[in-house]
Amino acid sequence: MKSMVGSVDAATRIIGDKWTPRLLRFFLTEPTVRFCQLQDMTGDINPRTLSARLVKLEDEGIISKRPTTASRCEYELTQKGRDLLPILDQMHEWSSKYPSN
């Protein structure tokens, strides 16, 4: 049981903050996304927060950053990131079944 707790803690450290699951869900419909697209899709995320989350996801190997021009880049899920999508789907199903009060 202790190893399961450690594993859940590890996953929570990666996807447990406010914005990360929201950001990852955009990759369900868009294979590659630019910073400004993510900012537009979220609507109210602070650019510094968005940048910090993207750096964290890149450091964790969840997304990769690919330059497209000298001043632009695109983000895409790695295999490790794609492996998170079923977890996010399960979270969606659970929260639909048991909405918060």
N, C-alpha and C. Protein backbone atom coordinates (compact mmCIF):
# COMPACT_ATOMS: atom_id res chain seq x y z
N MET A 1 0.82 -1.20 0.00
CA MET A 1 0.00 0.00 0.00
C MET A 1 0.86 1.25 0.00
N LYS A 2 1.98 1.20 0.69
CA LYS A 2 2.84 2.37 0.78
C LYS A 2 3.34 2.80 -0.59
N SER A 3 3.68 1.84 -1.48
CA SER A 3 4.15 2.22 -2.80
C SER A 3 3.05 2.88 -3.63
N MET A 4 1.79 2.45 -3.43
CA MET A 4 0.69 3.09 -4.15
C MET A 4 0.53 4.53 -3.70
N VAL A 5 0.65 4.78 -2.42
CA VAL A 5 0.56 6.14 -1.90
C VAL A 5 1.66 7.00 -2.51
N GLY A 6 2.87 6.47 -2.56
CA GLY A 6 3.98 7.21 -3.15
C GLY A 6 3.74 7.50 -4.62
N SER A 7 3.16 6.54 -5.34
CA SER A 7 2.87 6.73 -6.76
C SER A 7 1.80 7.79 -6.98
N VAL A 8 0.77 7.74 -6.14
CA VAL A 8 -0.30 8.75 -6.25
C VAL A 8 0.26 10.12 -5.92
N ASP A 9 1.12 10.20 -4.91
CA ASP A 9 1.75 11.47 -4.57
C ASP A 9 2.57 12.00 -5.74
N ALA A 10 3.30 11.11 -6.41
CA ALA A 10 4.13 11.53 -7.54
C ALA A 10 3.26 12.08 -8.67
N ALA A 11 2.16 11.40 -8.97
CA ALA A 11 1.26 11.87 -10.02
C ALA A 11 0.61 13.19 -9.63
N THR A 12 0.24 13.32 -8.37
CA THR A 12 -0.39 14.55 -7.89
C THR A 12 0.56 15.74 -7.99
N ARG A 13 1.84 15.51 -7.72
CA ARG A 13 2.82 16.59 -7.85
C ARG A 13 2.89 17.12 -9.28
N ILE A 14 2.61 16.25 -10.23
CA ILE A 14 2.69 16.67 -11.64
C ILE A 14 1.38 17.30 -12.11
N ILE A 15 0.24 16.68 -11.83
CA ILE A 15 -1.02 17.17 -12.40
C ILE A 15 -1.97 17.74 -11.36
N GLY A 16 -1.52 17.91 -10.13
CA GLY A 16 -2.43 18.30 -9.06
C GLY A 16 -2.65 19.77 -8.86
N ASP A 17 -1.99 20.64 -9.62
CA ASP A 17 -2.23 22.06 -9.40
C ASP A 17 -3.43 22.53 -10.22
N LYS A 18 -3.81 23.75 -10.00
CA LYS A 18 -5.04 24.29 -10.59
C LYS A 18 -5.06 24.23 -12.12
N TRP A 19 -4.00 24.59 -12.77
CA TRP A 19 -4.05 24.79 -14.21
C TRP A 19 -3.62 23.59 -15.05
N THR A 20 -2.81 22.71 -14.51
CA THR A 20 -2.23 21.65 -15.35
C THR A 20 -3.27 20.75 -16.01
N PRO A 21 -4.26 20.21 -15.29
CA PRO A 21 -5.25 19.39 -16.00
C PRO A 21 -6.01 20.19 -17.07
N ARG A 22 -6.28 21.43 -16.79
CA ARG A 22 -6.97 22.27 -17.78
C ARG A 22 -6.12 22.45 -19.02
N LEU A 23 -4.84 22.65 -18.84
CA LEU A 23 -3.95 22.81 -19.99
C LEU A 23 -3.84 21.51 -20.78
N LEU A 24 -3.70 20.41 -20.08
CA LEU A 24 -3.54 19.13 -20.76
C LEU A 24 -4.76 18.75 -21.58
N ARG A 25 -5.93 19.15 -21.15
CA ARG A 25 -7.13 18.76 -21.89
C ARG A 25 -7.17 19.37 -23.29
N PHE A 26 -6.49 20.51 -23.49
CA PHE A 26 -6.48 21.11 -24.82
C PHE A 26 -5.71 20.26 -25.83
N PHE A 27 -4.81 19.43 -25.32
CA PHE A 27 -4.07 18.55 -26.21
C PHE A 27 -4.91 17.38 -26.69
N LEU A 28 -6.10 17.19 -26.13
CA LEU A 28 -7.01 16.15 -26.60
C LEU A 28 -7.49 16.45 -28.01
N THR A 29 -7.67 17.74 -28.30
CA THR A 29 -8.20 18.13 -29.61
C THR A 29 -7.16 18.78 -30.51
N GLU A 30 -6.09 19.25 -29.94
CA GLU A 30 -5.04 19.92 -30.71
C GLU A 30 -3.72 19.18 -30.53
N PRO A 31 -3.15 18.62 -31.59
CA PRO A 31 -1.89 17.89 -31.42
C PRO A 31 -0.72 18.80 -31.03
N THR A 32 -0.72 20.01 -31.55
CA THR A 32 0.30 20.98 -31.17
C THR A 32 -0.40 22.30 -30.83
N VAL A 33 0.13 23.00 -29.83
CA VAL A 33 -0.49 24.23 -29.35
C VAL A 33 0.60 25.25 -29.08
N ARG A 34 0.33 26.49 -29.45
CA ARG A 34 1.25 27.59 -29.15
C ARG A 34 0.85 28.25 -27.83
N PHE A 35 1.79 28.96 -27.24
CA PHE A 35 1.58 29.64 -25.97
C PHE A 35 0.34 30.53 -26.03
N CYS A 36 0.25 31.35 -27.07
CA CYS A 36 -0.88 32.29 -27.17
C CYS A 36 -2.21 31.54 -27.31
N GLN A 37 -2.21 30.38 -27.96
CA GLN A 37 -3.43 29.58 -28.06
C GLN A 37 -3.86 29.08 -26.68
N LEU A 38 -2.89 28.60 -25.91
CA LEU A 38 -3.21 28.13 -24.56
C LEU A 38 -3.74 29.27 -23.71
N GLN A 39 -3.15 30.43 -23.87
CA GLN A 39 -3.60 31.59 -23.11
C GLN A 39 -5.03 31.96 -23.50
N ASP A 40 -5.32 31.93 -24.79
CA ASP A 40 -6.68 32.24 -25.26
C ASP A 40 -7.69 31.19 -24.79
N MET A 41 -7.29 29.92 -24.83
CA MET A 41 -8.21 28.84 -24.46
C MET A 41 -8.56 28.87 -22.98
N THR A 42 -7.61 29.25 -22.15
CA THR A 42 -7.88 29.27 -20.71
C THR A 42 -8.61 30.54 -20.31
N GLY A 43 -8.38 31.62 -21.02
CA GLY A 43 -9.08 32.86 -20.75
C GLY A 43 -8.51 33.71 -19.65
N ASP A 44 -8.23 33.13 -18.49
CA ASP A 44 -7.83 33.99 -17.38
C ASP A 44 -6.54 33.56 -16.69
N ILE A 45 -5.73 32.76 -17.34
CA ILE A 45 -4.45 32.37 -16.72
C ILE A 45 -3.43 33.50 -16.90
N ASN A 46 -2.72 33.77 -15.85
CA ASN A 46 -1.66 34.76 -15.90
C ASN A 46 -0.53 34.21 -16.77
N PRO A 47 0.06 35.04 -17.65
CA PRO A 47 1.14 34.55 -18.51
C PRO A 47 2.32 33.94 -17.74
N ARG A 48 2.64 34.49 -16.59
CA ARG A 48 3.72 33.92 -15.78
C ARG A 48 3.36 32.54 -15.27
N THR A 49 2.11 32.38 -14.86
CA THR A 49 1.64 31.08 -14.39
C THR A 49 1.66 30.07 -15.53
N LEU A 50 1.17 30.48 -16.68
CA LEU A 50 1.18 29.60 -17.85
C LEU A 50 2.60 29.18 -18.19
N SER A 51 3.49 30.12 -18.22
CA SER A 51 4.89 29.81 -18.52
C SER A 51 5.48 28.83 -17.50
N ALA A 52 5.20 29.07 -16.23
CA ALA A 52 5.71 28.19 -15.18
C ALA A 52 5.15 26.77 -15.33
N ARG A 53 3.86 26.66 -15.65
CA ARG A 53 3.25 25.33 -15.80
C ARG A 53 3.85 24.61 -17.01
N LEU A 54 4.08 25.33 -18.09
CA LEU A 54 4.65 24.71 -19.28
C LEU A 54 6.08 24.24 -19.02
N VAL A 55 6.85 25.05 -18.31
CA VAL A 55 8.21 24.65 -17.96
C VAL A 55 8.19 23.40 -17.08
N LYS A 56 7.29 23.37 -16.11
CA LYS A 56 7.18 22.21 -15.22
C LYS A 56 6.81 20.96 -16.02
N LEU A 57 5.83 21.08 -16.92
CA LEU A 57 5.42 19.94 -17.73
C LEU A 57 6.54 19.48 -18.66
N GLU A 58 7.29 20.43 -19.16
CA GLU A 58 8.43 20.07 -20.02
C GLU A 58 9.52 19.38 -19.19
N ASP A 59 9.81 19.91 -18.01
CA ASP A 59 10.81 19.30 -17.13
C ASP A 59 10.41 17.88 -16.72
N GLU A 60 9.11 17.64 -16.56
CA GLU A 60 8.61 16.32 -16.19
C GLU A 60 8.51 15.36 -17.37
N GLY A 61 8.75 15.87 -18.57
CA GLY A 61 8.67 15.02 -19.76
C GLY A 61 7.26 14.78 -20.25
N ILE A 62 6.32 15.64 -19.84
CA ILE A 62 4.92 15.49 -20.23
C ILE A 62 4.67 16.15 -21.60
N ILE A 63 5.32 17.28 -21.84
CA ILE A 63 5.21 17.96 -23.12
C ILE A 63 6.62 18.21 -23.65
N SER A 64 6.68 18.48 -24.94
CA SER A 64 7.94 18.92 -25.53
C SER A 64 7.68 20.23 -26.26
N LYS A 65 8.71 21.03 -26.33
CA LYS A 65 8.63 22.35 -26.96
C LYS A 65 9.44 22.29 -28.24
N ARG A 66 8.81 22.70 -29.33
CA ARG A 66 9.46 22.65 -30.63
C ARG A 66 9.43 24.04 -31.26
N PRO A 67 10.60 24.62 -31.53
CA PRO A 67 10.61 25.93 -32.18
C PRO A 67 10.06 25.83 -33.60
N THR A 68 9.25 26.81 -33.99
CA THR A 68 8.73 26.84 -35.35
C THR A 68 9.36 27.98 -36.14
N THR A 69 9.64 29.08 -35.47
CA THR A 69 10.36 30.21 -36.05
C THR A 69 11.28 30.75 -34.96
N ALA A 70 11.97 31.83 -35.26
CA ALA A 70 12.90 32.40 -34.28
C ALA A 70 12.18 32.85 -33.01
N SER A 71 10.93 33.29 -33.13
CA SER A 71 10.23 33.82 -31.97
C SER A 71 9.02 32.99 -31.53
N ARG A 72 8.76 31.89 -32.19
CA ARG A 72 7.58 31.08 -31.85
C ARG A 72 7.96 29.62 -31.64
N CYS A 73 7.14 28.98 -30.83
CA CYS A 73 7.32 27.54 -30.63
C CYS A 73 5.96 26.90 -30.41
N GLU A 74 5.94 25.61 -30.56
CA GLU A 74 4.73 24.84 -30.33
C GLU A 74 5.01 23.80 -29.26
N TYR A 75 3.98 23.45 -28.53
CA TYR A 75 4.06 22.43 -27.50
C TYR A 75 3.25 21.23 -27.95
N GLU A 76 3.75 20.05 -27.65
CA GLU A 76 3.02 18.83 -27.95
C GLU A 76 3.26 17.82 -26.84
N LEU A 77 2.30 16.91 -26.69
CA LEU A 77 2.43 15.87 -25.68
C LEU A 77 3.49 14.86 -26.09
N THR A 78 4.25 14.42 -25.13
CA THR A 78 5.14 13.29 -25.33
C THR A 78 4.33 12.02 -25.09
N GLN A 79 4.95 10.88 -25.24
CA GLN A 79 4.24 9.63 -24.93
C GLN A 79 3.83 9.61 -23.47
N LYS A 80 4.71 10.09 -22.61
CA LYS A 80 4.39 10.16 -21.18
C LYS A 80 3.15 11.03 -20.96
N GLY A 81 3.04 12.13 -21.69
CA GLY A 81 1.87 13.00 -21.59
C GLY A 81 0.62 12.35 -22.15
N ARG A 82 0.75 11.65 -23.27
CA ARG A 82 -0.41 10.96 -23.84
C ARG A 82 -0.91 9.88 -22.89
N ASP A 83 0.00 9.28 -22.13
CA ASP A 83 -0.41 8.26 -21.16
C ASP A 83 -1.23 8.84 -20.01
N LEU A 84 -1.18 10.16 -19.82
CA LEU A 84 -2.00 10.82 -18.79
C LEU A 84 -3.45 11.02 -19.23
N LEU A 85 -3.70 11.04 -20.51
CA LEU A 85 -5.04 11.37 -21.01
C LEU A 85 -6.12 10.43 -20.49
N PRO A 86 -5.90 9.11 -20.43
CA PRO A 86 -6.94 8.25 -19.85
C PRO A 86 -7.23 8.58 -18.38
N ILE A 87 -6.21 9.00 -17.66
CA ILE A 87 -6.41 9.39 -16.26
C ILE A 87 -7.31 10.61 -16.19
N LEU A 88 -7.06 11.58 -17.06
CA LEU A 88 -7.91 12.78 -17.09
C LEU A 88 -9.33 12.43 -17.50
N ASP A 89 -9.48 11.49 -18.44
CA ASP A 89 -10.82 11.02 -18.82
C ASP A 89 -11.54 10.40 -17.63
N GLN A 90 -10.84 9.58 -16.85
CA GLN A 90 -11.43 8.97 -15.67
C GLN A 90 -11.82 10.02 -14.63
N MET A 91 -10.99 11.03 -14.47
CA MET A 91 -11.32 12.12 -13.54
C MET A 91 -12.59 12.82 -13.99
N HIS A 92 -12.72 13.03 -15.30
CA HIS A 92 -13.92 13.66 -15.85
C HIS A 92 -15.15 12.80 -15.59
N GLU A 93 -15.04 11.51 -15.85
CA GLU A 93 -16.17 10.60 -15.62
C GLU A 93 -16.57 10.59 -14.16
N TRP A 94 -15.60 10.51 -13.27
CA TRP A 94 -15.88 10.48 -11.83
C TRP A 94 -16.57 11.76 -11.39
N SER A 95 -16.04 12.91 -11.84
CA SER A 95 -16.65 14.17 -11.40
C SER A 95 -18.03 14.39 -12.02
N SER A 96 -18.28 13.80 -13.17
CA SER A 96 -19.63 13.87 -13.75
C SER A 96 -20.60 13.01 -12.95
N LYS A 97 -20.11 11.88 -12.49
CA LYS A 97 -20.94 10.97 -11.71
C LYS A 97 -21.20 11.52 -10.31
N TYR A 98 -20.20 12.19 -9.73
CA TYR A 98 -20.30 12.71 -8.37
C TYR A 98 -19.96 14.20 -8.35
N PRO A 99 -20.86 15.03 -8.86
CA PRO A 99 -20.57 16.47 -8.87
C PRO A 99 -20.40 17.02 -7.46
N SER A 100 -19.51 18.00 -7.35
CA SER A 100 -19.30 18.62 -6.02
C SER A 100 -20.49 19.48 -5.65
N ASN A 101 -20.67 19.65 -4.37
CA ASN A 101 -21.82 20.42 -3.87
C ASN A 101 -21.55 21.89 -3.91
